[in-house]
PDB file of N, CA and C in Angstrom:
ATOM      1  N   UNK A   1      -0.753   1.919   8.074  1.00  0.00           N
ATOM      2  CA  UNK A   1      -0.145   2.038   6.763  1.00  0.00           C
ATOM      3  C   UNK A   1      -1.211   2.200   5.693  1.00  0.00           C
ATOM      4  N   UNK A   2      -2.323   1.539   5.881  1.00  0.00           N
ATOM      5  CA  UNK A   2      -3.396   1.654   4.893  1.00  0.00           C
ATOM      6  C   UNK A   2      -3.897   3.099   4.825  1.00  0.00           C
ATOM      7  N   UNK A   3      -4.046   3.721   5.965  1.00  0.00           N
ATOM      8  CA  UNK A   3      -4.475   5.128   6.000  1.00  0.00           C
ATOM      9  C   UNK A   3      -3.462   6.025   5.304  1.00  0.00           C
ATOM     10  N   UNK A   4      -2.192   5.777   5.559  1.00  0.00           N
ATOM     11  CA  UNK A   4      -1.133   6.573   4.927  1.00  0.00           C
ATOM     12  C   UNK A   4      -1.157   6.384   3.417  1.00  0.00           C
ATOM     13  N   UNK A   5      -1.285   5.138   2.972  1.00  0.00           N
ATOM     14  CA  UNK A   5      -1.311   4.857   1.533  1.00  0.00           C
ATOM     15  C   UNK A   5      -2.516   5.506   0.873  1.00  0.00           C
ATOM     16  N   UNK A   6      -3.681   5.400   1.511  1.00  0.00           N
ATOM     17  CA  UNK A   6      -4.894   6.003   0.942  1.00  0.00           C
ATOM     18  C   UNK A   6      -4.782   7.526   0.894  1.00  0.00           C
ATOM     19  N   UNK A   7      -4.238   8.116   1.931  1.00  0.00           N
ATOM     20  CA  UNK A   7      -4.065   9.572   1.966  1.00  0.00           C
ATOM     21  C   UNK A   7      -3.091  10.035   0.891  1.00  0.00           C
ATOM     22  N   UNK A   8      -1.997   9.304   0.743  1.00  0.00           N
ATOM     23  CA  UNK A   8      -1.005   9.662  -0.279  1.00  0.00           C
ATOM     24  C   UNK A   8      -1.612   9.540  -1.665  1.00  0.00           C
ATOM     25  N   UNK A   9      -2.361   8.473  -1.882  1.00  0.00           N
ATOM     26  CA  UNK A   9      -3.002   8.301  -3.184  1.00  0.00           C
ATOM     27  C   UNK A   9      -4.043   9.382  -3.422  1.00  0.00           C
ATOM     28  N   UNK A  10      -4.822   9.704  -2.400  1.00  0.00           N
ATOM     29  CA  UNK A  10      -5.825  10.756  -2.513  1.00  0.00           C
ATOM     30  C   UNK A  10      -5.179  12.077  -2.902  1.00  0.00           C
ATOM     31  N   UNK A  11      -4.052  12.395  -2.269  1.00  0.00           N
ATOM     32  CA  UNK A  11      -3.335  13.628  -2.608  1.00  0.00           C
ATOM     33  C   UNK A  11      -2.837  13.623  -4.045  1.00  0.00           C
ATOM     34  N   UNK A  12      -2.314  12.491  -4.484  1.00  0.00           N
ATOM     35  CA  UNK A  12      -1.824  12.378  -5.857  1.00  0.00           C
ATOM     36  C   UNK A  12      -2.979  12.495  -6.855  1.00  0.00           C
ATOM     37  N   UNK A  13      -4.098  11.861  -6.532  1.00  0.00           N
ATOM     38  CA  UNK A  13      -5.250  11.925  -7.425  1.00  0.00           C
ATOM     39  C   UNK A  13      -5.807  13.343  -7.522  1.00  0.00           C
ATOM     40  N   UNK A  14      -5.895  14.018  -6.390  1.00  0.00           N
ATOM     41  CA  UNK A  14      -6.373  15.410  -6.409  1.00  0.00           C
ATOM     42  C   UNK A  14      -5.448  16.298  -7.237  1.00  0.00           C
ATOM     43  N   UNK A  15      -4.146  16.117  -7.062  1.00  0.00           N
ATOM     44  CA  UNK A  15      -3.176  16.889  -7.847  1.00  0.00           C
ATOM     45  C   UNK A  15      -3.320  16.571  -9.334  1.00  0.00           C
ATOM     46  N   UNK A  16      -3.519  15.302  -9.643  1.00  0.00           N
ATOM     47  CA  UNK A  16      -3.698  14.889 -11.034  1.00  0.00           C
ATOM     48  C   UNK A  16      -4.924  15.568 -11.641  1.00  0.00           C
ATOM     49  N   UNK A  17      -6.027  15.548 -10.916  1.00  0.00           N
ATOM     50  CA  UNK A  17      -7.262  16.138 -11.420  1.00  0.00           C
ATOM     51  C   UNK A  17      -7.173  17.648 -11.572  1.00  0.00           C
ATOM     52  N   UNK A  18      -6.330  18.280 -10.771  1.00  0.00           N
ATOM     53  CA  UNK A  18      -6.154  19.734 -10.845  1.00  0.00           C
ATOM     54  C   UNK A  18      -4.938  20.127 -11.690  1.00  0.00           C
ATOM     55  N   UNK A  19      -4.376  19.120 -12.378  1.00  0.00           N
ATOM     56  CA  UNK A  19      -3.216  19.319 -13.254  1.00  0.00           C
ATOM     57  C   UNK A  19      -2.026  19.943 -12.526  1.00  0.00           C
ATOM     58  N   UNK A  20      -1.835  19.568 -11.268  1.00  0.00           N
ATOM     59  CA  UNK A  20      -0.711  20.061 -10.474  1.00  0.00           C
ATOM     60  C   UNK A  20       0.156  18.901  -9.985  1.00  0.00           C
ATOM     61  N   UNK A  21       0.120  17.806 -10.711  1.00  0.00           N
ATOM     62  CA  UNK A  21       0.846  16.612 -10.327  1.00  0.00           C
ATOM     63  C   UNK A  21       2.337  16.785 -10.552  1.00  0.00           C
ATOM     64  N   UNK A  22       3.138  16.409  -9.566  1.00  0.00           N
ATOM     65  CA  UNK A  22       4.591  16.516  -9.655  1.00  0.00           C
ATOM     66  C   UNK A  22       5.201  15.135  -9.443  1.00  0.00           C
ATOM     67  N   UNK A  23       6.293  14.872 -10.124  1.00  0.00           N
ATOM     68  CA  UNK A  23       6.954  13.575 -10.043  1.00  0.00           C
ATOM     69  C   UNK A  23       7.326  13.217  -8.618  1.00  0.00           C
ATOM     70  N   UNK A  24       7.772  14.176  -7.831  1.00  0.00           N
ATOM     71  CA  UNK A  24       8.217  13.889  -6.463  1.00  0.00           C
ATOM     72  C   UNK A  24       7.087  13.358  -5.571  1.00  0.00           C
ATOM     73  N   UNK A  25       5.839  13.572  -5.981  1.00  0.00           N
ATOM     74  CA  UNK A  25       4.724  13.042  -5.195  1.00  0.00           C
ATOM     75  C   UNK A  25       4.709  11.520  -5.187  1.00  0.00           C
ATOM     76  N   UNK A  26       5.395  10.910  -6.123  1.00  0.00           N
ATOM     77  CA  UNK A  26       5.381   9.450  -6.233  1.00  0.00           C
ATOM     78  C   UNK A  26       6.551   8.792  -5.527  1.00  0.00           C
ATOM     79  N   UNK A  27       7.469   9.573  -5.017  1.00  0.00           N
ATOM     80  CA  UNK A  27       8.628   9.008  -4.325  1.00  0.00           C
ATOM     81  C   UNK A  27       8.245   8.282  -3.042  1.00  0.00           C
ATOM     82  N   UNK A  28       7.165   8.695  -2.424  1.00  0.00           N
ATOM     83  CA  UNK A  28       6.770   8.091  -1.152  1.00  0.00           C
ATOM     84  C   UNK A  28       6.092   6.731  -1.317  1.00  0.00           C
ATOM     85  N   UNK A  29       5.552   6.430  -2.488  1.00  0.00           N
ATOM     86  CA  UNK A  29       4.810   5.182  -2.652  1.00  0.00           C
ATOM     87  C   UNK A  29       5.660   3.926  -2.481  1.00  0.00           C
ATOM     88  N   UNK A  30       6.867   3.852  -3.049  1.00  0.00           N
ATOM     89  CA  UNK A  30       7.695   2.665  -2.773  1.00  0.00           C
ATOM     90  C   UNK A  30       8.039   2.527  -1.283  1.00  0.00           C
ATOM     91  N   UNK A  31       8.221   3.641  -0.601  1.00  0.00           N
ATOM     92  CA  UNK A  31       8.513   3.602   0.835  1.00  0.00           C
ATOM     93  C   UNK A  31       7.303   3.103   1.627  1.00  0.00           C
ATOM     94  N   UNK A  32       6.122   3.574   1.238  1.00  0.00           N
ATOM     95  CA  UNK A  32       4.890   3.138   1.906  1.00  0.00           C
ATOM     96  C   UNK A  32       4.710   1.635   1.707  1.00  0.00           C
ATOM     97  N   UNK A  33       4.912   1.192   0.484  1.00  0.00           N
ATOM     98  CA  UNK A  33       4.740  -0.236   0.187  1.00  0.00           C
ATOM     99  C   UNK A  33       5.757  -1.090   0.941  1.00  0.00           C
ATOM    100  N   UNK A  34       7.001  -0.628   0.981  1.00  0.00           N
ATOM    101  CA  UNK A  34       8.045  -1.373   1.704  1.00  0.00           C
ATOM    102  C   UNK A  34       7.723  -1.449   3.192  1.00  0.00           C
ATOM    103  N   UNK A  35       7.252  -0.356   3.760  1.00  0.00           N
ATOM    104  CA  UNK A  35       6.905  -0.347   5.185  1.00  0.00           C
ATOM    105  C   UNK A  35       5.719  -1.268   5.462  1.00  0.00           C
ATOM    106  N   UNK A  36       4.736  -1.256   4.573  1.00  0.00           N
ATOM    107  CA  UNK A  36       3.585  -2.156   4.735  1.00  0.00           C
ATOM    108  C   UNK A  36       4.044  -3.611   4.678  1.00  0.00           C
ATOM    109  N   UNK A  37       4.962  -3.912   3.768  1.00  0.00           N
ATOM    110  CA  UNK A  37       5.508  -5.271   3.687  1.00  0.00           C
ATOM    111  C   UNK A  37       6.196  -5.662   4.999  1.00  0.00           C
ATOM    112  N   UNK A  38       6.963  -4.745   5.557  1.00  0.00           N
ATOM    113  CA  UNK A  38       7.657  -5.019   6.818  1.00  0.00           C
ATOM    114  C   UNK A  38       6.659  -5.304   7.936  1.00  0.00           C
ATOM    115  N   UNK A  39       5.635  -4.492   8.028  1.00  0.00           N
ATOM    116  CA  UNK A  39       4.637  -4.644   9.091  1.00  0.00           C
ATOM    117  C   UNK A  39       3.915  -5.982   8.960  1.00  0.00           C
ATOM    118  N   UNK A  40       3.463  -6.294   7.751  1.00  0.00           N
ATOM    119  CA  UNK A  40       2.733  -7.551   7.544  1.00  0.00           C
ATOM    120  C   UNK A  40       3.639  -8.745   7.807  1.00  0.00           C
ATOM    121  N   UNK A  41       4.845  -8.713   7.290  1.00  0.00           N
ATOM    122  CA  UNK A  41       5.769  -9.837   7.503  1.00  0.00           C
ATOM    123  C   UNK A  41       6.101 -10.025   8.978  1.00  0.00           C
ATOM    124  N   UNK A  42       6.294  -8.931   9.684  1.00  0.00           N
ATOM    125  CA  UNK A  42       6.582  -8.995  11.114  1.00  0.00           C
ATOM    126  C   UNK A  42       5.384  -9.562  11.884  1.00  0.00           C
ATOM    127  N   UNK A  43       4.201  -9.081  11.539  1.00  0.00           N
ATOM    128  CA  UNK A  43       2.989  -9.566  12.217  1.00  0.00           C
ATOM    129  C   UNK A  43       2.761 -11.050  11.936  1.00  0.00           C
ATOM    130  N   UNK A  44       2.974 -11.459  10.695  1.00  0.00           N
ATOM    131  CA  UNK A  44       2.806 -12.879  10.363  1.00  0.00           C
ATOM    132  C   UNK A  44       3.844 -13.743  11.069  1.00  0.00           C
ATOM    133  N   UNK A  45       5.070 -13.264  11.133  1.00  0.00           N
ATOM    134  CA  UNK A  45       6.119 -14.020  11.827  1.00  0.00           C
ATOM    135  C   UNK A  45       5.751 -14.195  13.301  1.00  0.00           C
ATOM    136  N   UNK A  46       5.283 -13.123  13.919  1.00  0.00           N
ATOM    137  CA  UNK A  46       4.871 -13.197  15.324  1.00  0.00           C
ATOM    138  C   UNK A  46       3.687 -14.147  15.496  1.00  0.00           C
ATOM    139  N   UNK A  47       2.745 -14.076  14.575  1.00  0.00           N
ATOM    140  CA  UNK A  47       1.577 -14.957  14.635  1.00  0.00           C
ATOM    141  C   UNK A  47       2.009 -16.423  14.563  1.00  0.00           C
ATOM    142  N   UNK A  48       2.886 -16.745  13.625  1.00  0.00           N
ATOM    143  CA  UNK A  48       3.321 -18.130  13.474  1.00  0.00           C
ATOM    144  C   UNK A  48       4.225 -18.580  14.623  1.00  0.00           C
ATOM    145  N   UNK A  49       4.887 -17.637  15.269  1.00  0.00           N
ATOM    146  CA  UNK A  49       5.717 -17.982  16.424  1.00  0.00           C
ATOM    147  C   UNK A  49       4.891 -18.261  17.678  1.00  0.00           C
ATOM    148  N   UNK A  50       3.751 -17.594  17.800  1.00  0.00           N
ATOM    149  CA  UNK A  50       2.982 -17.678  19.047  1.00  0.00           C
ATOM    150  C   UNK A  50       1.742 -18.554  18.973  1.00  0.00           C
ATOM    151  N   UNK A  51       1.166 -18.704  17.797  1.00  0.00           N
ATOM    152  CA  UNK A  51      -0.098 -19.442  17.669  1.00  0.00           C
ATOM    153  C   UNK A  51       0.155 -20.899  17.293  1.00  0.00           C
ATOM    154  N   UNK A  52      -0.578 -21.803  17.936  1.00  0.00           N
ATOM    155  CA  UNK A  52      -0.424 -23.231  17.644  1.00  0.00           C
ATOM    156  C   UNK A  52      -1.656 -23.831  16.976  1.00  0.00           C
ATOM    157  N   UNK A  53      -2.784 -23.161  17.067  1.00  0.00           N
ATOM    158  CA  UNK A  53      -4.023 -23.654  16.463  1.00  0.00           C
ATOM    159  C   UNK A  53      -4.028 -23.308  14.972  1.00  0.00           C
ATOM    160  N   UNK A  54      -4.029 -24.330  14.117  1.00  0.00           N
ATOM    161  CA  UNK A  54      -3.950 -24.083  12.677  1.00  0.00           C
ATOM    162  C   UNK A  54      -5.158 -23.338  12.134  1.00  0.00           C
ATOM    163  N   UNK A  55      -6.317 -23.536  12.704  1.00  0.00           N
ATOM    164  CA  UNK A  55      -7.511 -22.819  12.261  1.00  0.00           C
ATOM    165  C   UNK A  55      -7.335 -21.321  12.483  1.00  0.00           C
ATOM    166  N   UNK A  56      -6.838 -20.964  13.648  1.00  0.00           N
ATOM    167  CA  UNK A  56      -6.589 -19.555  13.964  1.00  0.00           C
ATOM    168  C   UNK A  56      -5.500 -19.002  13.038  1.00  0.00           C
ATOM    169  N   UNK A  57      -4.458 -19.774  12.817  1.00  0.00           N
ATOM    170  CA  UNK A  57      -3.368 -19.341  11.927  1.00  0.00           C
ATOM    171  C   UNK A  57      -3.887 -18.999  10.539  1.00  0.00           C
ATOM    172  N   UNK A  58      -4.680 -19.880   9.974  1.00  0.00           N
ATOM    173  CA  UNK A  58      -5.198 -19.642   8.625  1.00  0.00           C
ATOM    174  C   UNK A  58      -6.133 -18.437   8.574  1.00  0.00           C
ATOM    175  N   UNK A  59      -6.997 -18.315   9.574  1.00  0.00           N
ATOM    176  CA  UNK A  59      -7.943 -17.195   9.616  1.00  0.00           C
ATOM    177  C   UNK A  59      -7.200 -15.867   9.765  1.00  0.00           C
ATOM    178  N   UNK A  60      -6.281 -15.824  10.712  1.00  0.00           N
ATOM    179  CA  UNK A  60      -5.534 -14.588  10.961  1.00  0.00           C
ATOM    180  C   UNK A  60      -4.646 -14.217   9.775  1.00  0.00           C
ATOM    181  N   UNK A  61      -4.058 -15.226   9.165  1.00  0.00           N
ATOM    182  CA  UNK A  61      -3.198 -14.968   8.010  1.00  0.00           C
ATOM    183  C   UNK A  61      -3.997 -14.273   6.913  1.00  0.00           C
ATOM    184  N   UNK A  62      -5.223 -14.726   6.699  1.00  0.00           N
ATOM    185  CA  UNK A  62      -6.082 -14.109   5.691  1.00  0.00           C
ATOM    186  C   UNK A  62      -6.407 -12.656   6.050  1.00  0.00           C
ATOM    187  N   UNK A  63      -6.618 -12.397   7.338  1.00  0.00           N
ATOM    188  CA  UNK A  63      -6.926 -11.026   7.771  1.00  0.00           C
ATOM    189  C   UNK A  63      -5.764 -10.074   7.493  1.00  0.00           C
ATOM    190  N   UNK A  64      -4.530 -10.551   7.657  1.00  0.00           N
ATOM    191  CA  UNK A  64      -3.363  -9.707   7.404  1.00  0.00           C
ATOM    192  C   UNK A  64      -3.201  -9.395   5.922  1.00  0.00           C
ATOM    193  N   UNK A  65      -3.682 -10.270   5.078  1.00  0.00           N
ATOM    194  CA  UNK A  65      -3.504 -10.084   3.634  1.00  0.00           C
ATOM    195  C   UNK A  65      -4.308  -8.910   3.090  1.00  0.00           C
ATOM    196  N   UNK A  66      -5.493  -8.661   3.638  1.00  0.00           N
ATOM    197  CA  UNK A  66      -6.375  -7.651   3.066  1.00  0.00           C
ATOM    198  C   UNK A  66      -5.814  -6.229   3.146  1.00  0.00           C
ATOM    199  N   UNK A  67      -5.377  -5.747   4.303  1.00  0.00           N
ATOM    200  CA  UNK A  67      -4.785  -4.403   4.338  1.00  0.00           C
ATOM    201  C   UNK A  67      -3.522  -4.325   3.472  1.00  0.00           C
ATOM    202  N   UNK A  68      -2.740  -5.381   3.484  1.00  0.00           N
ATOM    203  CA  UNK A  68      -1.525  -5.427   2.670  1.00  0.00           C
ATOM    204  C   UNK A  68      -1.879  -5.289   1.188  1.00  0.00           C
ATOM    205  N   UNK A  69      -2.892  -6.006   0.749  1.00  0.00           N
ATOM    206  CA  UNK A  69      -3.328  -5.934  -0.649  1.00  0.00           C
ATOM    207  C   UNK A  69      -3.866  -4.545  -0.983  1.00  0.00           C
ATOM    208  N   UNK A  70      -4.557  -3.928  -0.045  1.00  0.00           N
ATOM    209  CA  UNK A  70      -5.097  -2.585  -0.275  1.00  0.00           C
ATOM    210  C   UNK A  70      -3.970  -1.566  -0.459  1.00  0.00           C
ATOM    211  N   UNK A  71      -2.923  -1.668   0.345  1.00  0.00           N
ATOM    212  CA  UNK A  71      -1.769  -0.776   0.191  1.00  0.00           C
ATOM    213  C   UNK A  71      -1.138  -0.992  -1.182  1.00  0.00           C
ATOM    214  N   UNK A  72      -1.003  -2.245  -1.568  1.00  0.00           N
ATOM    215  CA  UNK A  72      -0.422  -2.552  -2.883  1.00  0.00           C
ATOM    216  C   UNK A  72      -1.260  -1.933  -3.998  1.00  0.00           C
ATOM    217  N   UNK A  73      -2.586  -1.996  -3.879  1.00  0.00           N
ATOM    218  CA  UNK A  73      -3.457  -1.420  -4.912  1.00  0.00           C
ATOM    219  C   UNK A  73      -3.337   0.098  -4.977  1.00  0.00           C
ATOM    220  N   UNK A  74      -3.195   0.741  -3.829  1.00  0.00           N
ATOM    221  CA  UNK A  74      -2.984   2.200  -3.822  1.00  0.00           C
ATOM    222  C   UNK A  74      -1.703   2.550  -4.574  1.00  0.00           C
ATOM    223  N   UNK A  75      -0.657   1.785  -4.327  1.00  0.00           N
ATOM    224  CA  UNK A  75       0.627   2.037  -4.983  1.00  0.00           C
ATOM    225  C   UNK A  75       0.535   1.774  -6.481  1.00  0.00           C
ATOM    226  N   UNK A  76      -0.178   0.726  -6.873  1.00  0.00           N
ATOM    227  CA  UNK A  76      -0.351   0.427  -8.299  1.00  0.00           C
ATOM    228  C   UNK A  76      -1.169   1.521  -8.990  1.00  0.00           C
ATOM    229  N   UNK A  77      -2.207   2.002  -8.317  1.00  0.00           N
ATOM    230  CA  UNK A  77      -3.018   3.074  -8.885  1.00  0.00           C
ATOM    231  C   UNK A  77      -2.200   4.344  -9.035  1.00  0.00           C
ATOM    232  N   UNK A  78      -1.357   4.630  -8.076  1.00  0.00           N
ATOM    233  CA  UNK A  78      -0.491   5.813  -8.159  1.00  0.00           C
ATOM    234  C   UNK A  78       0.479   5.680  -9.326  1.00  0.00           C
ATOM    235  N   UNK A  79       1.007   4.497  -9.536  1.00  0.00           N
ATOM    236  CA  UNK A  79       1.910   4.270 -10.661  1.00  0.00           C
ATOM    237  C   UNK A  79       1.178   4.488 -11.980  1.00  0.00           C
ATOM    238  N   UNK A  80      -0.059   4.031 -12.062  1.00  0.00           N
ATOM    239  CA  UNK A  80      -0.857   4.248 -13.280  1.00  0.00           C
ATOM    240  C   UNK A  80      -1.104   5.737 -13.509  1.00  0.00           C
ATOM    241  N   UNK A  81      -1.429   6.465 -12.452  1.00  0.00           N
ATOM    242  CA  UNK A  81      -1.624   7.919 -12.567  1.00  0.00           C
ATOM    243  C   UNK A  81      -0.356   8.601 -13.067  1.00  0.00           C
ATOM    244  N   UNK A  82       0.761   8.180 -12.505  1.00  0.00           N
ATOM    245  CA  UNK A  82       2.042   8.766 -12.903  1.00  0.00           C
ATOM    246  C   UNK A  82       2.301   8.522 -14.395  1.00  0.00           C
ATOM    247  N   UNK A  83       2.034   7.323 -14.855  1.00  0.00           N
ATOM    248  CA  UNK A  83       2.229   7.001 -16.278  1.00  0.00           C
ATOM    249  C   UNK A  83       1.352   7.861 -17.172  1.00  0.00           C
ATOM    250  N   UNK A  84       0.093   8.015 -16.777  1.00  0.00           N
ATOM    251  CA  UNK A  84      -0.834   8.854 -17.548  1.00  0.00           C
ATOM    252  C   UNK A  84      -0.349  10.287 -17.582  1.00  0.00           C
ATOM    253  N   UNK A  85       0.064  10.799 -16.430  1.00  0.00           N
ATOM    254  CA  UNK A  85       0.539  12.177 -16.347  1.00  0.00           C
ATOM    255  C   UNK A  85       1.785  12.381 -17.191  1.00  0.00           C
ATOM    256  N   UNK A  86       2.703  11.439 -17.168  1.00  0.00           N
ATOM    257  CA  UNK A  86       3.932  11.560 -17.954  1.00  0.00           C
ATOM    258  C   UNK A  86       3.641  11.500 -19.455  1.00  0.00           C
ATOM    259  N   UNK A  87       2.717  10.645 -19.863  1.00  0.00           N
ATOM    260  CA  UNK A  87       2.365  10.515 -21.283  1.00  0.00           C
ATOM    261  C   UNK A  87       1.664  11.748 -21.818  1.00  0.00           C
ATOM    262  N   UNK A  88       0.850  12.363 -20.973  1.00  0.00           N
ATOM    263  CA  UNK A  88       0.056  13.506 -21.420  1.00  0.00           C
ATOM    264  C   UNK A  88       0.685  14.855 -21.082  1.00  0.00           C
ATOM    265  N   UNK A  89       1.861  14.778 -20.473  1.00  0.00           N
ATOM    266  CA  UNK A  89       2.619  15.983 -20.150  1.00  0.00           C
ATOM    267  C   UNK A  89       1.887  16.909 -19.269  1.00  0.00           C
TER     268      UNK A  89
END
């Protein structure tokens, strides 16, 4: 999901820089974010269902947060680009 989010953002940024940005390019970002949420939540649920060592639980939980946060940042950056593009026509 992180690769998909980064690629989608890269495409939006390139379009923005070349003044070819279209509103429909942003429709995929909420879907990407929702899918990333599903994956992380599912992985965390499985981790908490199978792991009994609290040290491992805490360490692994932190590892799952980083890709999830990166996807969220890609989506936030895309939203900012969209706002700039809409304001500047």
